[in-house]
Each structure stands twice: as structure tokens, then as C-alpha cells.
Amino acid sequence: MGKDSGKPYLKLRSINGQALAHAQLGQLEKAHALWRDVQSALENESLPVPIHEGRELFLAQNQKAAASY
């Protein structure tokens, strides 16, 4: 997946999936580094979304990925 796919939710899903795979392989340092990337991307992607126009929904949809970290 390209870095600038224009679909932030896909980027979050992709990074979270990679983190889960590394965790299952016992590569916890790599998994935690990727989960930090998920958290950072989630914070960055949510900022442009207006509070009353979907930010809560965006954050709720991606809460599971951030909670893994």
C-alpha cells in the first residue's frame, strides 16, 4: 500500500495488522513500535476532522487499533 493512499483508515488497519502479526511472532519490540505509529497516525488523521462532524466516529472506529498498544 502506498504511503499516500488518501485513505487514512486503510493505513491504520495496515499498520495495526502488521503490529498484530509481529506480536504473534513474539517480536514485541517491533509490534510496539508499529502500535506507536498507529497511535500517532490516529492522532494526526483525527485533527482535521471537525469535532461535531465525525471526529468521535473516526476515533471510535479506530479505537481497537489504538487500544492494542
Protein backbone atom coordinates (compact mmCIF):
# COMPACT_ATOMS: atom_id res chain seq x y z
CA MET A 1 0.00 0.00 0.00
CA GLY A 2 1.34 3.43 -0.92
CA LYS A 3 2.11 5.85 1.87
CA ASP A 4 -0.22 8.46 0.40
CA SER A 5 -3.21 6.31 -0.48
CA GLY A 6 -5.64 9.04 0.54
CA LYS A 7 -7.48 6.62 2.81
CA PRO A 8 -6.17 7.03 6.36
CA TYR A 9 -8.30 4.22 7.75
CA LEU A 10 -6.54 1.79 5.41
CA LYS A 11 -3.16 2.96 6.64
CA LEU A 12 -4.25 2.45 10.25
CA ARG A 13 -5.61 -1.03 9.50
CA SER A 14 -2.46 -1.98 7.64
CA ILE A 15 -0.07 -0.85 10.36
CA ASN A 16 -2.21 -2.43 13.07
CA GLY A 17 -2.29 -5.72 11.16
CA GLN A 18 1.49 -5.68 10.87
CA ALA A 19 1.79 -4.98 14.59
CA LEU A 20 -0.53 -7.88 15.44
CA ALA A 21 1.48 -10.21 13.21
CA HIS A 22 4.75 -9.21 14.88
CA ALA A 23 3.18 -9.67 18.32
CA GLN A 24 2.01 -13.17 17.41
CA LEU A 25 5.52 -13.99 16.25
CA GLY A 26 6.89 -12.83 19.60
CA GLN A 27 8.53 -9.75 18.09
CA LEU A 28 7.14 -7.44 20.75
CA GLU A 29 9.54 -4.54 20.27
CA LYS A 30 8.62 -4.28 16.59
CA ALA A 31 4.92 -4.69 17.44
CA HIS A 32 5.03 -1.87 19.99
CA ALA A 33 6.90 0.38 17.58
CA LEU A 34 4.17 -0.19 14.99
CA TRP A 35 1.43 0.42 17.57
CA ARG A 36 3.12 3.73 18.39
CA ASP A 37 2.87 4.51 14.68
CA VAL A 38 -0.84 3.61 14.76
CA GLN A 39 -1.41 5.91 17.73
CA SER A 40 0.50 8.74 16.05
CA ALA A 41 -1.31 8.30 12.74
CA LEU A 42 -4.66 8.16 14.51
CA GLU A 43 -3.94 11.41 16.32
CA ASN A 44 -2.73 13.12 13.14
CA GLU A 45 -5.60 11.91 10.97
CA SER A 46 -8.27 12.87 13.50
CA LEU A 47 -7.19 16.50 13.83
CA PRO A 48 -8.62 17.73 10.51
CA VAL A 49 -11.99 16.09 11.22
CA PRO A 50 -14.34 18.66 12.80
CA ILE A 51 -15.41 17.69 16.33
CA HIS A 52 -19.12 17.78 15.55
CA GLU A 53 -18.80 16.27 12.09
CA GLY A 54 -17.37 12.84 12.61
CA ARG A 55 -14.25 13.02 14.78
CA GLU A 56 -15.87 10.92 17.51
CA LEU A 57 -16.94 8.33 14.94
CA PHE A 58 -13.46 8.30 13.37
CA LEU A 59 -11.83 7.78 16.76
CA ALA A 60 -14.37 5.15 17.81
CA GLN A 61 -13.83 3.17 14.61
CA ASN A 62 -10.09 3.10 15.22
CA GLN A 63 -10.15 2.65 18.99
CA LYS A 64 -9.38 -1.07 18.79
CA ALA A 65 -6.16 -0.44 16.88
CA ALA A 66 -5.01 2.16 19.38
CA ALA A 67 -6.06 0.01 22.34
CA SER A 68 -3.71 -2.77 21.22
CA TYR A 69 -0.79 -0.53 22.07
